[in-house]
Amino acid sequence: MSVWEAVLGILGMAAITVITRSFFMIPEREIPLPQWVRDGLRYAPLAALAAVIVPEIVMTQGELIHTWKDARLYATAVGTAYFFWRRGILGTIVSGTAVMLALRVGLGW
């Protein structure tokens, strides 16, 4: 690929990004969305977060984990339990990280 092709590709991707992201700012008034779309968009951030986090917890090297001796499972359980107990994000992160660190360093998992 030549330098000009790379520059043209970058400029093209930048233009497409600007156009698609500004699409919602172009109209003079708000575009009405059906209620079912608004209801569905409420769950989009949670679905995206789950799609990123769940594979990191249950997979290693592209395959499902085969043993219960995986620190991520216990750290996730402790973090989840802490969150439902106290509803605090910082405590959730600290408790999950503490369990992960203890199992990885202490037991070598």
Protein backbone atom coordinates (compact mmCIF):
# COMPACT_ATOMS: atom_id res chain seq x y z
CA MET A 1 0.00 0.00 0.00
CA SER A 2 1.39 3.38 -0.94
CA VAL A 3 1.44 6.43 1.28
CA TRP A 4 -1.32 8.07 -0.77
CA GLU A 5 -3.57 5.05 -0.42
CA ALA A 6 -3.07 5.08 3.34
CA VAL A 7 -3.79 8.82 3.55
CA LEU A 8 -6.88 8.40 1.36
CA GLY A 9 -8.08 5.52 3.55
CA ILE A 10 -7.58 7.54 6.75
CA LEU A 11 -9.35 10.60 5.32
CA GLY A 12 -12.21 8.42 4.06
CA MET A 13 -12.66 6.75 7.45
CA ALA A 14 -12.51 10.15 9.17
CA ALA A 15 -15.19 11.53 6.83
CA ILE A 16 -17.46 8.54 7.38
CA THR A 17 -16.99 8.84 11.15
CA VAL A 18 -17.83 12.57 11.16
CA ILE A 19 -20.89 12.07 8.96
CA THR A 20 -22.32 9.18 10.96
CA ARG A 21 -21.68 10.82 14.32
CA SER A 22 -23.11 14.18 13.27
CA PHE A 23 -26.20 12.58 11.71
CA PHE A 24 -28.13 13.14 14.93
CA MET A 25 -27.18 16.83 15.10
CA ILE A 26 -28.19 17.71 11.54
CA PRO A 27 -32.02 17.83 11.95
CA GLU A 28 -33.55 21.03 13.32
CA ARG A 29 -35.90 19.15 15.65
CA GLU A 30 -35.71 15.91 17.59
CA ILE A 31 -36.51 12.79 15.62
CA PRO A 32 -39.37 10.93 17.35
CA LEU A 33 -38.50 7.38 18.35
CA PRO A 34 -41.10 4.70 18.99
CA GLN A 35 -41.49 3.65 22.61
CA TRP A 36 -40.12 0.14 21.93
CA VAL A 37 -36.88 1.66 20.57
CA ARG A 38 -36.48 3.87 23.64
CA ASP A 39 -37.10 0.87 25.90
CA GLY A 40 -34.51 -1.16 24.00
CA LEU A 41 -31.90 1.60 24.16
CA ARG A 42 -32.14 1.59 27.95
CA TYR A 43 -30.51 -1.85 27.98
CA ALA A 44 -27.82 -1.18 25.35
CA PRO A 45 -25.04 -0.08 27.77
CA LEU A 46 -25.62 -3.09 30.01
CA ALA A 47 -25.60 -5.46 27.03
CA ALA A 48 -22.38 -3.94 25.69
CA LEU A 49 -20.69 -4.20 29.10
CA ALA A 50 -21.75 -7.83 29.47
CA ALA A 51 -20.49 -8.62 25.97
CA VAL A 52 -17.05 -7.32 26.92
CA ILE A 53 -16.76 -8.64 30.48
CA VAL A 54 -18.30 -12.13 30.37
CA PRO A 55 -15.83 -13.59 27.83
CA GLU A 56 -12.95 -12.25 29.94
CA ILE A 57 -14.29 -14.10 32.97
CA VAL A 58 -15.15 -17.49 31.46
CA MET A 59 -12.60 -17.88 28.65
CA THR A 60 -8.84 -18.35 28.37
CA GLN A 61 -7.03 -18.32 25.04
CA GLY A 62 -10.38 -18.40 23.21
CA GLU A 63 -11.67 -21.50 25.02
CA LEU A 64 -13.95 -21.94 28.01
CA ILE A 65 -12.09 -22.54 31.26
CA HIS A 66 -11.92 -26.18 32.29
CA THR A 67 -11.26 -25.89 36.02
CA TRP A 68 -12.69 -24.25 39.11
CA LYS A 69 -9.16 -23.21 40.09
CA ASP A 70 -9.46 -19.89 38.29
CA ALA A 71 -9.14 -16.74 40.37
CA ARG A 72 -11.42 -14.77 38.04
CA LEU A 73 -14.47 -16.84 39.02
CA TYR A 74 -13.99 -16.24 42.75
CA ALA A 75 -13.11 -12.57 42.29
CA THR A 76 -16.27 -12.09 40.23
CA ALA A 77 -18.40 -13.84 42.85
CA VAL A 78 -16.95 -11.75 45.69
CA GLY A 79 -17.25 -8.51 43.72
CA THR A 80 -20.85 -9.27 42.79
CA ALA A 81 -21.75 -10.20 46.36
CA TYR A 82 -20.17 -7.00 47.68
CA PHE A 83 -22.05 -4.89 45.15
CA PHE A 84 -25.43 -6.39 46.08
CA TRP A 85 -24.59 -6.06 49.77
CA ARG A 86 -23.31 -2.45 49.85
CA ARG A 87 -24.10 -1.02 46.37
CA GLY A 88 -20.66 0.60 46.14
CA ILE A 89 -18.56 0.58 42.99
CA LEU A 90 -15.21 1.25 44.69
CA GLY A 91 -15.74 -1.52 47.23
CA THR A 92 -16.75 -3.89 44.44
CA ILE A 93 -13.52 -3.19 42.57
CA VAL A 94 -11.36 -3.41 45.69
CA SER A 95 -12.93 -6.64 46.98
CA GLY A 96 -12.74 -8.39 43.61
CA THR A 97 -9.17 -7.25 43.07
CA ALA A 98 -8.16 -8.34 46.57
CA VAL A 99 -9.53 -11.85 46.02
CA MET A 100 -7.91 -12.06 42.59
CA LEU A 101 -4.56 -10.94 43.98
CA ALA A 102 -4.76 -13.28 46.97
CA LEU A 103 -5.55 -16.31 44.82
CA ARG A 104 -3.00 -15.53 42.12
CA VAL A 105 -0.13 -14.59 44.41
CA GLY A 106 -1.01 -16.71 47.44
CA LEU A 107 -2.11 -19.93 45.73
CA GLY A 108 -0.52 -19.46 42.33
CA TRP A 109 -3.76 -19.75 40.40
